[in-house]
Amino acid sequence: MSPSSKQSEQTRQTLFAEAMRRGLPEDALLIVVDTASQQARLYSSVRLQKTYRISTSKFGIGNQFGSNRTPLGWHRVSQRYGA
């Protein structure tokens, strides 16, 4: 296993351990946004399903309300638009 894939595996395990601690079911969908690589990774049942190229805010990252920055932390999807 290469150093980067070993690190990715550790990151995945850490994320899912935190998800379980927060009470999410084991088969929950989890989207992980990596602002540095501009990628979103979709996990289902602890397995990587798909990687998407994304674009985060031109204002950077941060949690200040109204700043138009990409927020940090854990978030739940409350609504879905479209198919």
N, C-alpha and C. Protein backbone atom coordinates (compact mmCIF):
# COMPACT_ATOMS: atom_id res chain seq x y z
N MET A 1 0.85 -1.17 0.00
CA MET A 1 0.00 0.00 0.00
C MET A 1 0.89 1.24 0.00
N SER A 2 0.64 2.17 -0.92
CA SER A 2 1.45 3.38 -1.01
C SER A 2 1.18 4.30 0.17
N PRO A 3 2.11 5.21 0.49
CA PRO A 3 1.89 6.13 1.61
C PRO A 3 0.60 6.95 1.46
N SER A 4 0.28 7.41 0.23
CA SER A 4 -0.93 8.22 0.07
C SER A 4 -2.19 7.38 0.22
N SER A 5 -2.19 6.12 -0.28
CA SER A 5 -3.38 5.29 -0.11
C SER A 5 -3.52 4.85 1.34
N LYS A 6 -2.39 4.69 2.05
CA LYS A 6 -2.44 4.34 3.48
C LYS A 6 -3.04 5.52 4.26
N GLN A 7 -2.64 6.74 3.91
CA GLN A 7 -3.19 7.92 4.57
C GLN A 7 -4.68 8.06 4.25
N SER A 8 -5.07 7.79 3.00
CA SER A 8 -6.48 7.86 2.61
C SER A 8 -7.31 6.86 3.41
N GLU A 9 -6.77 5.67 3.59
CA GLU A 9 -7.47 4.64 4.35
C GLU A 9 -7.62 5.06 5.81
N GLN A 10 -6.58 5.65 6.39
CA GLN A 10 -6.66 6.13 7.78
C GLN A 10 -7.69 7.25 7.89
N THR A 11 -7.71 8.16 6.92
CA THR A 11 -8.68 9.25 6.91
C THR A 11 -10.08 8.70 6.84
N ARG A 12 -10.32 7.74 5.95
CA ARG A 12 -11.64 7.12 5.81
C ARG A 12 -12.08 6.47 7.11
N GLN A 13 -11.18 5.72 7.72
CA GLN A 13 -11.52 5.05 8.97
C GLN A 13 -11.85 6.07 10.06
N THR A 14 -11.08 7.15 10.13
CA THR A 14 -11.33 8.20 11.12
C THR A 14 -12.68 8.86 10.89
N LEU A 15 -13.00 9.16 9.65
CA LEU A 15 -14.28 9.78 9.32
C LEU A 15 -15.45 8.89 9.71
N PHE A 16 -15.36 7.61 9.39
CA PHE A 16 -16.46 6.71 9.72
C PHE A 16 -16.55 6.44 11.21
N ALA A 17 -15.43 6.43 11.91
CA ALA A 17 -15.49 6.30 13.37
C ALA A 17 -16.24 7.50 13.96
N GLU A 18 -15.95 8.69 13.45
CA GLU A 18 -16.64 9.90 13.91
C GLU A 18 -18.11 9.86 13.54
N ALA A 19 -18.43 9.38 12.36
CA ALA A 19 -19.83 9.27 11.94
C ALA A 19 -20.60 8.33 12.86
N MET A 20 -19.99 7.20 13.22
CA MET A 20 -20.64 6.26 14.13
C MET A 20 -20.82 6.89 15.52
N ARG A 21 -19.81 7.64 15.95
CA ARG A 21 -19.91 8.31 17.25
C ARG A 21 -21.07 9.30 17.26
N ARG A 22 -21.34 9.89 16.12
CA ARG A 22 -22.43 10.85 16.01
C ARG A 22 -23.79 10.19 15.81
N GLY A 23 -23.80 8.87 15.76
CA GLY A 23 -25.06 8.15 15.67
C GLY A 23 -25.56 7.88 14.26
N LEU A 24 -24.72 8.08 13.26
CA LEU A 24 -25.15 7.78 11.89
C LEU A 24 -25.15 6.27 11.68
N PRO A 25 -26.14 5.76 10.96
CA PRO A 25 -26.16 4.32 10.70
C PRO A 25 -24.98 3.90 9.83
N GLU A 26 -24.59 2.65 9.93
CA GLU A 26 -23.43 2.15 9.21
C GLU A 26 -23.60 2.25 7.70
N ASP A 27 -24.86 2.20 7.21
CA ASP A 27 -25.10 2.27 5.77
C ASP A 27 -25.41 3.70 5.29
N ALA A 28 -25.12 4.69 6.12
CA ALA A 28 -25.39 6.09 5.75
C ALA A 28 -24.48 6.52 4.61
N LEU A 29 -24.99 7.44 3.81
CA LEU A 29 -24.16 8.08 2.78
C LEU A 29 -23.38 9.19 3.45
N LEU A 30 -22.13 9.31 3.07
CA LEU A 30 -21.26 10.34 3.63
C LEU A 30 -20.53 11.01 2.48
N ILE A 31 -20.63 12.33 2.41
CA ILE A 31 -19.92 13.10 1.40
C ILE A 31 -18.81 13.85 2.11
N VAL A 32 -17.60 13.66 1.66
CA VAL A 32 -16.43 14.31 2.25
C VAL A 32 -15.89 15.30 1.22
N VAL A 33 -15.87 16.58 1.61
CA VAL A 33 -15.38 17.64 0.73
C VAL A 33 -13.95 17.96 1.11
N ASP A 34 -13.06 17.89 0.13
CA ASP A 34 -11.66 18.22 0.32
C ASP A 34 -11.40 19.52 -0.43
N THR A 35 -11.32 20.62 0.32
CA THR A 35 -11.16 21.93 -0.31
C THR A 35 -9.79 22.08 -0.97
N ALA A 36 -8.78 21.41 -0.45
CA ALA A 36 -7.44 21.53 -1.03
C ALA A 36 -7.37 20.91 -2.42
N SER A 37 -8.00 19.75 -2.59
CA SER A 37 -7.95 19.07 -3.89
C SER A 37 -9.17 19.38 -4.76
N GLN A 38 -10.13 20.14 -4.20
CA GLN A 38 -11.36 20.48 -4.92
C GLN A 38 -12.07 19.21 -5.38
N GLN A 39 -12.24 18.28 -4.42
CA GLN A 39 -12.93 17.02 -4.70
C GLN A 39 -13.94 16.73 -3.60
N ALA A 40 -15.01 16.07 -4.00
CA ALA A 40 -15.98 15.54 -3.05
C ALA A 40 -16.00 14.03 -3.25
N ARG A 41 -15.95 13.29 -2.17
CA ARG A 41 -15.96 11.83 -2.24
C ARG A 41 -17.24 11.33 -1.59
N LEU A 42 -17.95 10.46 -2.30
CA LEU A 42 -19.18 9.87 -1.80
C LEU A 42 -18.89 8.47 -1.29
N TYR A 43 -19.19 8.25 -0.02
CA TYR A 43 -19.01 6.94 0.60
C TYR A 43 -20.38 6.37 0.93
N SER A 44 -20.52 5.06 0.75
CA SER A 44 -21.73 4.34 1.12
C SER A 44 -21.29 3.03 1.75
N SER A 45 -21.86 2.74 2.90
CA SER A 45 -21.49 1.52 3.62
C SER A 45 -19.97 1.40 3.76
N VAL A 46 -19.33 2.50 4.11
CA VAL A 46 -17.91 2.61 4.40
C VAL A 46 -17.03 2.41 3.16
N ARG A 47 -17.62 2.36 1.98
CA ARG A 47 -16.84 2.18 0.75
C ARG A 47 -16.94 3.42 -0.13
N LEU A 48 -15.83 3.80 -0.74
CA LEU A 48 -15.83 4.91 -1.69
C LEU A 48 -16.63 4.50 -2.92
N GLN A 49 -17.66 5.28 -3.24
CA GLN A 49 -18.50 4.99 -4.39
C GLN A 49 -18.13 5.83 -5.61
N LYS A 50 -17.85 7.11 -5.36
CA LYS A 50 -17.58 8.00 -6.49
C LYS A 50 -16.83 9.23 -6.00
N THR A 51 -16.00 9.79 -6.87
CA THR A 51 -15.29 11.03 -6.59
C THR A 51 -15.74 12.06 -7.62
N TYR A 52 -16.02 13.27 -7.13
CA TYR A 52 -16.49 14.35 -7.99
C TYR A 52 -15.53 15.52 -7.93
N ARG A 53 -15.34 16.19 -9.06
CA ARG A 53 -14.62 17.46 -9.07
C ARG A 53 -15.60 18.53 -8.63
N ILE A 54 -15.17 19.43 -7.76
CA ILE A 54 -16.05 20.47 -7.24
C ILE A 54 -15.34 21.81 -7.28
N SER A 55 -16.10 22.84 -6.98
CA SER A 55 -15.53 24.17 -6.84
C SER A 55 -16.07 24.74 -5.54
N THR A 56 -15.17 25.12 -4.65
CA THR A 56 -15.58 25.74 -3.39
C THR A 56 -15.52 27.26 -3.54
N SER A 57 -15.93 27.97 -2.53
CA SER A 57 -16.06 29.42 -2.59
C SER A 57 -14.76 30.14 -2.91
N LYS A 58 -14.86 31.17 -3.74
CA LYS A 58 -13.69 32.00 -4.04
C LYS A 58 -13.28 32.83 -2.83
N PHE A 59 -14.14 32.88 -1.81
CA PHE A 59 -13.85 33.63 -0.59
C PHE A 59 -13.12 32.78 0.45
N GLY A 60 -12.82 31.53 0.11
CA GLY A 60 -12.08 30.66 1.02
C GLY A 60 -13.00 29.84 1.91
N ILE A 61 -12.44 29.35 3.02
CA ILE A 61 -13.22 28.54 3.95
C ILE A 61 -13.42 29.31 5.25
N GLY A 62 -14.51 29.00 5.93
CA GLY A 62 -14.79 29.65 7.21
C GLY A 62 -16.25 29.53 7.57
N ASN A 63 -16.56 29.79 8.82
CA ASN A 63 -17.91 29.58 9.33
C ASN A 63 -18.67 30.85 9.67
N GLN A 64 -18.15 32.01 9.30
CA GLN A 64 -18.83 33.25 9.64
C GLN A 64 -20.08 33.40 8.78
N PHE A 65 -21.23 33.59 9.43
CA PHE A 65 -22.51 33.72 8.75
C PHE A 65 -22.47 34.89 7.76
N GLY A 66 -22.94 34.65 6.56
CA GLY A 66 -23.01 35.69 5.55
C GLY A 66 -21.71 35.98 4.83
N SER A 67 -20.67 35.21 5.11
CA SER A 67 -19.35 35.48 4.51
C SER A 67 -19.20 34.89 3.11
N ASN A 68 -20.13 34.03 2.72
CA ASN A 68 -20.07 33.31 1.43
C ASN A 68 -18.86 32.39 1.33
N ARG A 69 -18.32 32.00 2.47
CA ARG A 69 -17.20 31.06 2.48
C ARG A 69 -17.73 29.63 2.55
N THR A 70 -16.90 28.68 2.17
CA THR A 70 -17.25 27.28 2.29
C THR A 70 -17.16 26.89 3.77
N PRO A 71 -18.29 26.47 4.37
CA PRO A 71 -18.28 26.17 5.80
C PRO A 71 -17.54 24.87 6.11
N LEU A 72 -16.93 24.84 7.29
CA LEU A 72 -16.22 23.66 7.77
C LEU A 72 -17.13 22.87 8.70
N GLY A 73 -16.79 21.63 8.93
CA GLY A 73 -17.50 20.83 9.93
C GLY A 73 -18.43 19.79 9.33
N TRP A 74 -19.26 19.23 10.20
CA TRP A 74 -20.21 18.19 9.82
C TRP A 74 -21.54 18.85 9.51
N HIS A 75 -22.15 18.45 8.40
CA HIS A 75 -23.44 19.00 7.98
C HIS A 75 -24.34 17.86 7.50
N ARG A 76 -25.64 18.05 7.68
CA ARG A 76 -26.61 17.07 7.17
C ARG A 76 -27.38 17.71 6.02
N VAL A 77 -27.63 16.91 5.00
CA VAL A 77 -28.44 17.39 3.88
C VAL A 77 -29.89 17.39 4.33
N SER A 78 -30.55 18.55 4.22
CA SER A 78 -31.95 18.62 4.67
C SER A 78 -32.93 18.56 3.52
N GLN A 79 -32.51 18.95 2.33
CA GLN A 79 -33.39 18.90 1.17
C GLN A 79 -32.58 18.53 -0.06
N ARG A 80 -33.27 17.97 -1.01
CA ARG A 80 -32.64 17.65 -2.28
C ARG A 80 -33.50 18.21 -3.39
N TYR A 81 -32.87 18.85 -4.35
CA TYR A 81 -33.57 19.38 -5.51
C TYR A 81 -33.20 18.55 -6.73
N GLY A 82 -34.17 18.22 -7.54
CA GLY A 82 -33.90 17.46 -8.76
C GLY A 82 -33.83 15.96 -8.51
N ALA A 83 -33.49 15.24 -9.55
CA ALA A 83 -33.53 13.78 -9.50
C ALA A 83 -32.41 13.20 -8.71
